[in-house]
Amino acid sequence: MSGVAQELVVEHHSIDERLADVVAGLDEGEVRAEAFRAAATELKHHIFVEEEHLFPPLRAAGMIPPVLVMLREHGEMWGVLEMIEGLLAAPSPDAAVLREACGRLMDQLDAHNLKEEQILYPAADQTLAPQDQESVSTALVDGDLPGDWRASMAPPR
C-alpha cells in the first residue's frame, strides 16, 4: 500500500491506539473521558473523510457493494460512539459498562478496518484519479468535522 491508502491506515492505527489507552484506563479503574473524546473526534473525522471524499469515486469505479457495507458499519459504529458519549455524560460513569461498550467499538473497528485495508484502500491506490487522491489527503489533514455532520447510516437521534 502507498499513497492515500497508507495515510488512511496510519489514521486507523492512531485511532486504535487512542481507544486502547481508554480501555487501559478503564482496566485500571480510571475513566479517561477526554482521551475517549479525542479518539471519537478522530474516528468521526475519519468516517467523514471516507464518506465524503473516498467512497464517491470508489462507487463511481464500480465498488458499490463494498462501499455500502462500509457505510452500514460506519452507522453502527457511530451509534456506539454516541452511546459511549452518553455514558460519559453521567455524573459517575460505570466503568464496567464503559469497558464493554469500548470493547464492542474496538471489535467493530478491528473487523471494519481489516476489510477497508484489504479491499477498499488498495482499490483507492489503483483506481482513484490524482485529484481524488489529493482530495482525500487534504481532507485527512483538515481536522474539522463540518457542523452537525453524521455518518450517512447513523441511527436517528
Protein backbone atom coordinates (compact mmCIF):
# COMPACT_ATOMS: atom_id res chain seq x y z
CA MET A 1 0.00 0.00 0.00
CA SER A 2 1.11 3.51 -0.69
CA GLY A 3 -0.28 6.98 -1.12
CA VAL A 4 -3.74 7.67 0.20
CA ALA A 5 -4.18 4.07 1.38
CA GLN A 6 -1.16 4.33 3.63
CA GLU A 7 -2.39 7.65 5.04
CA LEU A 8 -5.73 6.05 5.94
CA VAL A 9 -4.02 3.04 7.55
CA VAL A 10 -1.85 5.35 9.68
CA GLU A 11 -5.02 7.02 10.91
CA HIS A 12 -6.57 3.62 11.72
CA HIS A 13 -3.57 2.86 13.93
CA SER A 14 -3.82 6.24 15.66
CA ILE A 15 -7.50 5.70 16.47
CA ASP A 16 -6.82 2.15 17.69
CA GLU A 17 -4.04 3.37 19.99
CA ARG A 18 -6.23 6.11 21.46
CA LEU A 19 -9.04 3.66 22.17
CA ALA A 20 -6.60 1.14 23.67
CA ASP A 21 -5.46 3.88 26.06
CA VAL A 22 -9.07 4.50 27.10
CA VAL A 23 -9.63 0.79 27.73
CA ALA A 24 -6.34 0.50 29.64
CA GLY A 25 -7.57 3.29 31.90
CA LEU A 26 -10.87 1.51 32.46
CA ASP A 27 -8.99 -1.70 33.30
CA GLU A 28 -7.16 0.33 35.95
CA GLY A 29 -10.42 1.83 37.25
CA GLU A 30 -9.82 5.21 35.61
CA VAL A 31 -12.33 6.85 33.26
CA ARG A 32 -10.35 8.76 30.63
CA ALA A 33 -13.20 10.79 29.18
CA GLU A 34 -11.00 13.33 27.39
CA ALA A 35 -8.95 10.54 25.83
CA PHE A 36 -12.16 8.94 24.57
CA ARG A 37 -13.40 12.25 23.19
CA ALA A 38 -10.12 12.69 21.29
CA ALA A 39 -10.41 9.18 19.84
CA ALA A 40 -14.07 9.73 18.95
CA THR A 41 -13.29 13.03 17.24
CA GLU A 42 -10.55 11.42 15.17
CA LEU A 43 -12.78 8.46 14.26
CA LYS A 44 -15.71 10.67 13.30
CA HIS A 45 -13.47 12.79 11.12
CA HIS A 46 -12.01 9.66 9.52
CA ILE A 47 -15.52 8.43 8.73
CA PHE A 48 -16.38 11.84 7.27
CA VAL A 49 -13.31 11.78 5.01
CA GLU A 50 -14.16 8.32 3.75
CA GLU A 51 -17.85 9.00 3.16
CA GLU A 52 -17.40 12.42 1.55
CA HIS A 53 -14.08 12.06 -0.28
CA LEU A 54 -13.08 8.40 -0.69
CA PHE A 55 -16.30 6.49 -1.23
CA PRO A 56 -17.87 8.58 -4.04
CA PRO A 57 -15.04 7.92 -6.53
CA LEU A 58 -14.85 4.27 -5.44
CA ARG A 59 -18.58 3.91 -6.09
CA ALA A 60 -18.11 5.54 -9.48
CA ALA A 61 -15.41 2.95 -10.19
CA GLY A 62 -17.94 0.16 -9.55
CA MET A 63 -17.16 -0.73 -5.93
CA ILE A 64 -20.76 -0.23 -4.83
CA PRO A 65 -21.29 -3.39 -2.70
CA PRO A 66 -18.13 -2.96 -0.55
CA VAL A 67 -18.82 0.75 -0.09
CA LEU A 68 -22.37 0.00 1.06
CA VAL A 69 -21.03 -2.46 3.63
CA MET A 70 -18.62 0.19 4.93
CA LEU A 71 -21.41 2.79 5.14
CA ARG A 72 -23.58 0.40 7.17
CA GLU A 73 -20.70 -0.36 9.51
CA HIS A 74 -19.93 3.36 9.90
CA GLY A 75 -23.53 3.87 11.01
CA GLU A 76 -23.26 1.05 13.54
CA MET A 77 -20.02 2.44 14.97
CA TRP A 78 -21.50 5.94 15.09
CA GLY A 79 -24.31 4.60 17.26
CA VAL A 80 -21.81 3.03 19.68
CA LEU A 81 -19.79 6.27 19.79
CA GLU A 82 -22.92 8.19 20.75
CA MET A 83 -23.85 5.60 23.35
CA ILE A 84 -20.40 5.91 24.95
CA GLU A 85 -20.62 9.70 24.84
CA GLY A 86 -23.94 9.42 26.68
CA LEU A 87 -22.41 7.12 29.30
CA LEU A 88 -19.57 9.59 29.84
CA ALA A 89 -22.04 12.42 30.36
CA ALA A 90 -23.35 10.73 33.51
CA PRO A 91 -22.12 12.19 36.82
CA SER A 92 -20.46 8.88 37.74
CA PRO A 93 -19.94 6.74 34.63
CA ASP A 94 -20.00 2.99 35.22
CA ALA A 95 -16.51 1.78 34.27
CA ALA A 96 -17.68 -1.79 33.59
CA VAL A 97 -20.39 -0.64 31.19
CA LEU A 98 -17.95 1.74 29.51
CA ARG A 99 -15.40 -1.08 29.21
CA GLU A 100 -17.94 -3.31 27.48
CA ALA A 101 -19.02 -0.53 25.10
CA CYS A 102 -15.45 0.43 24.25
CA GLY A 103 -14.60 -3.24 23.70
CA ARG A 104 -17.56 -3.51 21.35
CA LEU A 105 -16.37 -0.46 19.42
CA MET A 106 -12.84 -1.84 19.19
CA ASP A 107 -14.16 -5.19 17.92
CA GLN A 108 -16.22 -3.38 15.29
CA LEU A 109 -13.19 -1.37 14.23
CA ASP A 110 -10.95 -4.44 14.00
CA ALA A 111 -13.32 -6.17 11.58
CA HIS A 112 -14.14 -2.98 9.68
CA ASN A 113 -10.56 -1.80 9.28
CA LEU A 114 -9.43 -5.19 8.03
CA LYS A 115 -11.97 -5.03 5.19
CA GLU A 116 -11.05 -1.47 4.30
CA GLU A 117 -7.33 -2.21 4.35
CA GLN A 118 -7.66 -5.38 2.26
CA ILE A 119 -10.30 -4.26 -0.23
CA LEU A 120 -11.07 -0.54 -0.43
CA TYR A 121 -7.70 1.05 0.25
CA PRO A 122 -5.79 -0.96 -2.38
CA ALA A 123 -8.58 -0.12 -4.83
CA ALA A 124 -8.19 3.55 -3.93
CA ASP A 125 -4.48 3.46 -4.72
CA GLN A 126 -5.18 1.72 -8.03
CA THR A 127 -8.29 3.48 -9.30
CA LEU A 128 -8.60 6.98 -7.83
CA ALA A 129 -7.65 9.83 -10.12
CA PRO A 130 -4.88 12.07 -8.77
CA GLN A 131 -7.36 14.84 -7.91
CA ASP A 132 -9.49 12.36 -5.91
CA GLN A 133 -6.43 11.11 -4.04
CA GLU A 134 -5.47 14.70 -3.29
CA SER A 135 -8.99 15.41 -2.04
CA VAL A 136 -8.73 12.52 0.45
CA SER A 137 -5.23 13.52 1.57
CA THR A 138 -6.20 17.15 2.06
CA ALA A 139 -9.35 16.24 3.96
CA LEU A 140 -7.36 13.95 6.28
CA VAL A 141 -5.15 16.80 7.47
CA ASP A 142 -8.08 19.19 7.82
CA GLY A 143 -9.26 18.07 11.24
CA ASP A 144 -12.59 19.86 11.19
CA LEU A 145 -15.80 17.86 11.09
CA PRO A 146 -18.38 20.09 9.42
CA GLY A 147 -21.17 21.31 11.67
CA ASP A 148 -23.65 18.63 12.60
CA TRP A 149 -22.34 16.08 10.10
CA ARG A 150 -23.19 12.44 10.89
CA ALA A 151 -22.39 9.16 9.19
CA SER A 152 -24.88 8.59 6.40
CA MET A 153 -26.30 5.45 8.06
CA ALA A 154 -26.02 6.63 11.67
CA PRO A 155 -29.06 5.81 13.79
CA PRO A 156 -31.57 8.62 14.21
CA ARG A 157 -31.06 10.84 17.23
